[in-house]
Structure formats: C-alpha cells, structure tokens
C-alpha cells in the first residue's frame, strides 16, 4: 500500500519536516512504499493515488498551521474516503500549547479516513532566537511510532 506523508514546517529549523522525513524513511526501511511532500507541493489529485495519508504540522496557536489547515480544507470526501490515515505534530511541552494532531485527526476522520494509529506528538524546545530542535529522545519516539505504523499498514 502506498503512503503519502504530507507536512508543513514553518520554523527556519524545519523540525516538522525532519519528523515527516523520518517517518517516511522508517516506513521505507520496513518495506512500505512512502513519499513525503511539503503541503504546498501536494494537491487533491496527488492524494487520490495513495491508500494511506499521514499528515503533520507544527502546533500554532492551539491548532495546525494555516497551510496544513488549507491543505486539509481543500480535500473532499471523494479524495480520501476509505483510506487509512494518521496525524502528527510538533509542539512545545506545555498545557498551553494545544495539539495540532488532534485537529488533523478530526478532519481526516470527518472525511471518511480510517485512523489506523493514534497521533504522534513530537516535543520541541527552543535552541535560540527562532531556532527549534527536537527534545532529547523525541527522534527515537518518532522512529518507533513510524515502525509501528509500518506494521499496521502492512497488516492492512
């Protein structure tokens, strides 16, 4: 089954892009065909060619980034109904940060996507002015999540 990982990444550090690429790499390592695309490089027609859609974004003001919200808003039920899906986000570890992945999951589900794996949250921390990095242990958590996702995808 073909997997499309779609993401937005807004900081100069491109942390969410790194998470998306790591997910795609781990899926491939487990034998799953996976492509990884920046949300502005992906449209409805492209999505139709995949059986699994994994969508991620940084959490911005308690919700997904504007670009991912626009990407998801452009999708129609006929584009994704019957597909498997999952969500991920990057966020600071704070009760006040919100959770983009929950909103992404809700939108996918509302379109008829079957959520096959609970969402992934990858925590980030500041490294300087406008510079972010994954917290210690988060990249390994991303890899493990992707490996488990691969197993679920391969099982159908």
Protein backbone atom coordinates (compact mmCIF):
# COMPACT_ATOMS: atom_id res chain seq x y z
CA UNK A 1 0.00 0.00 0.00
CA UNK A 2 1.34 3.42 -0.99
CA UNK A 3 1.74 6.01 1.79
CA UNK A 4 1.84 9.77 1.44
CA UNK A 5 3.29 11.82 4.29
CA UNK A 6 2.22 15.45 3.95
CA UNK A 7 3.62 18.12 6.25
CA UNK A 8 4.05 21.79 6.91
CA UNK A 9 7.15 23.17 8.61
CA UNK A 10 7.32 26.85 9.49
CA UNK A 11 10.46 27.49 11.51
CA UNK A 12 13.88 28.01 9.91
CA UNK A 13 14.94 24.82 11.73
CA UNK A 14 12.38 22.77 9.73
CA UNK A 15 11.77 20.45 12.70
CA UNK A 16 8.38 19.23 11.47
CA UNK A 17 9.91 18.47 8.07
CA UNK A 18 12.56 16.36 9.83
CA UNK A 19 9.83 14.44 11.65
CA UNK A 20 7.94 13.85 8.38
CA UNK A 21 11.08 12.69 6.59
CA UNK A 22 11.98 10.38 9.48
CA UNK A 23 8.52 8.82 9.34
CA UNK A 24 8.84 8.24 5.58
CA UNK A 25 12.36 6.81 5.96
CA UNK A 26 11.28 4.37 8.68
CA UNK A 27 8.27 3.26 6.62
CA UNK A 28 10.57 2.59 3.66
CA UNK A 29 13.02 0.70 5.87
CA UNK A 30 10.15 -1.61 6.84
CA UNK A 31 9.19 -2.23 3.21
CA UNK A 32 6.38 0.29 2.82
CA UNK A 33 6.30 2.49 -0.29
CA UNK A 34 6.22 6.05 1.06
CA UNK A 35 6.53 9.54 -0.35
CA UNK A 36 6.99 12.69 1.69
CA UNK A 37 5.72 16.05 0.41
CA UNK A 38 5.52 19.61 1.67
CA UNK A 39 1.83 20.55 1.79
CA UNK A 40 2.17 23.32 -0.80
CA UNK A 41 3.61 20.76 -3.24
CA UNK A 42 0.60 18.45 -2.88
CA UNK A 43 -2.94 18.69 -4.19
CA UNK A 44 -6.14 16.65 -4.17
CA UNK A 45 -5.24 14.76 -7.34
CA UNK A 46 -1.93 13.63 -5.87
CA UNK A 47 -3.61 12.39 -2.68
CA UNK A 48 -6.01 10.19 -4.65
CA UNK A 49 -3.15 7.90 -5.72
CA UNK A 50 -2.34 6.72 -2.19
CA UNK A 51 -4.01 4.29 0.17
CA UNK A 52 -2.61 5.85 3.34
CA UNK A 53 -2.34 9.53 4.24
CA UNK A 54 -0.23 10.71 7.18
CA UNK A 55 -0.49 14.46 7.84
CA UNK A 56 1.55 16.59 10.20
CA UNK A 57 2.13 20.18 11.19
CA UNK A 58 3.55 22.32 13.92
CA UNK A 59 1.03 23.39 16.55
CA UNK A 60 0.39 27.09 16.06
CA UNK A 61 -1.95 28.93 18.47
CA UNK A 62 -3.54 25.66 19.66
CA UNK A 63 -4.18 24.27 16.16
CA UNK A 64 -2.48 23.09 12.97
CA UNK A 65 -0.56 25.63 10.91
CA UNK A 66 -2.52 27.71 8.41
CA UNK A 67 -1.00 25.88 5.44
CA UNK A 68 -1.98 22.42 6.68
CA UNK A 69 -5.45 23.69 7.57
CA UNK A 70 -5.78 24.96 3.98
CA UNK A 71 -4.48 21.65 2.59
CA UNK A 72 -6.99 19.69 4.67
CA UNK A 73 -9.76 22.15 3.84
CA UNK A 74 -9.23 21.56 0.13
CA UNK A 75 -9.64 17.79 0.44
CA UNK A 76 -13.02 16.32 -0.35
CA UNK A 77 -14.56 13.10 0.86
CA UNK A 78 -14.18 11.51 -2.57
CA UNK A 79 -10.42 12.20 -2.42
CA UNK A 80 -9.81 10.22 0.76
CA UNK A 81 -12.81 8.13 1.77
CA UNK A 82 -11.77 4.56 2.50
CA UNK A 83 -8.12 5.46 3.00
CA UNK A 84 -6.19 4.80 6.17
CA UNK A 85 -4.72 7.81 7.93
CA UNK A 86 -2.78 9.17 10.87
CA UNK A 87 -1.58 12.51 12.18
CA UNK A 88 1.42 14.02 13.90
CA UNK A 89 2.52 17.37 15.21
CA UNK A 90 5.43 19.18 16.76
CA UNK A 91 4.82 21.32 19.80
CA UNK A 92 6.38 22.70 22.93
CA UNK A 93 5.69 20.75 26.09
CA UNK A 94 3.12 22.96 27.79
CA UNK A 95 -0.50 22.71 28.80
CA UNK A 96 -0.98 25.95 26.87
CA UNK A 97 0.45 24.77 23.55
CA UNK A 98 -2.60 22.96 22.20
CA UNK A 99 -2.42 19.97 19.88
CA UNK A 100 -2.49 20.19 16.08
CA UNK A 101 -2.58 16.42 15.63
CA UNK A 102 -5.99 16.12 17.27
CA UNK A 103 -7.44 18.65 14.82
CA UNK A 104 -5.80 16.91 11.88
CA UNK A 105 -7.18 13.54 13.02
CA UNK A 106 -10.65 15.03 13.43
CA UNK A 107 -10.61 16.49 9.91
CA UNK A 108 -9.33 13.25 8.35
CA UNK A 109 -11.91 11.21 10.23
CA UNK A 110 -14.67 13.59 9.18
CA UNK A 111 -13.72 12.99 5.55
CA UNK A 112 -14.07 9.22 5.94
CA UNK A 113 -10.42 8.34 6.58
CA UNK A 114 -9.94 5.39 8.94
CA UNK A 115 -7.46 6.44 11.64
CA UNK A 116 -5.21 3.40 11.96
CA UNK A 117 -2.77 4.71 14.58
CA UNK A 118 -3.17 7.25 17.39
CA UNK A 119 -1.49 10.55 16.63
CA UNK A 120 2.14 11.29 17.35
CA UNK A 121 3.31 14.33 19.31
CA UNK A 122 6.98 15.25 18.93
CA UNK A 123 8.10 17.79 21.51
CA UNK A 124 10.44 20.61 20.59
CA UNK A 125 12.46 23.09 22.59
CA UNK A 126 13.99 26.44 21.81
CA UNK A 127 17.62 26.50 20.87
CA UNK A 128 17.94 30.23 20.34
CA UNK A 129 16.06 33.00 18.59
CA UNK A 130 13.58 31.38 16.17
CA UNK A 131 15.57 28.15 16.35
CA UNK A 132 13.97 24.91 17.46
CA UNK A 133 15.11 21.33 17.93
CA UNK A 134 13.53 18.07 18.99
CA UNK A 135 13.84 17.38 22.71
CA UNK A 136 16.08 14.51 23.78
CA UNK A 137 14.50 11.15 22.96
CA UNK A 138 11.86 12.54 20.59
CA UNK A 139 13.52 11.37 17.38
CA UNK A 140 13.64 7.83 18.73
CA UNK A 141 9.94 8.15 19.66
CA UNK A 142 9.21 9.24 16.06
CA UNK A 143 11.12 6.23 14.69
CA UNK A 144 9.26 3.82 16.96
CA UNK A 145 5.88 5.33 16.02
CA UNK A 146 6.73 5.02 12.32
CA UNK A 147 7.88 1.41 12.72
CA UNK A 148 4.61 0.54 14.46
CA UNK A 149 2.73 2.39 11.72
CA UNK A 150 4.54 0.34 9.09
CA UNK A 151 3.50 -2.89 10.80
CA UNK A 152 -0.14 -1.75 10.91
CA UNK A 153 -0.04 -0.70 7.24
CA UNK A 154 1.49 -3.98 6.13
CA UNK A 155 -1.18 -5.90 8.06
CA UNK A 156 -3.81 -3.91 6.18
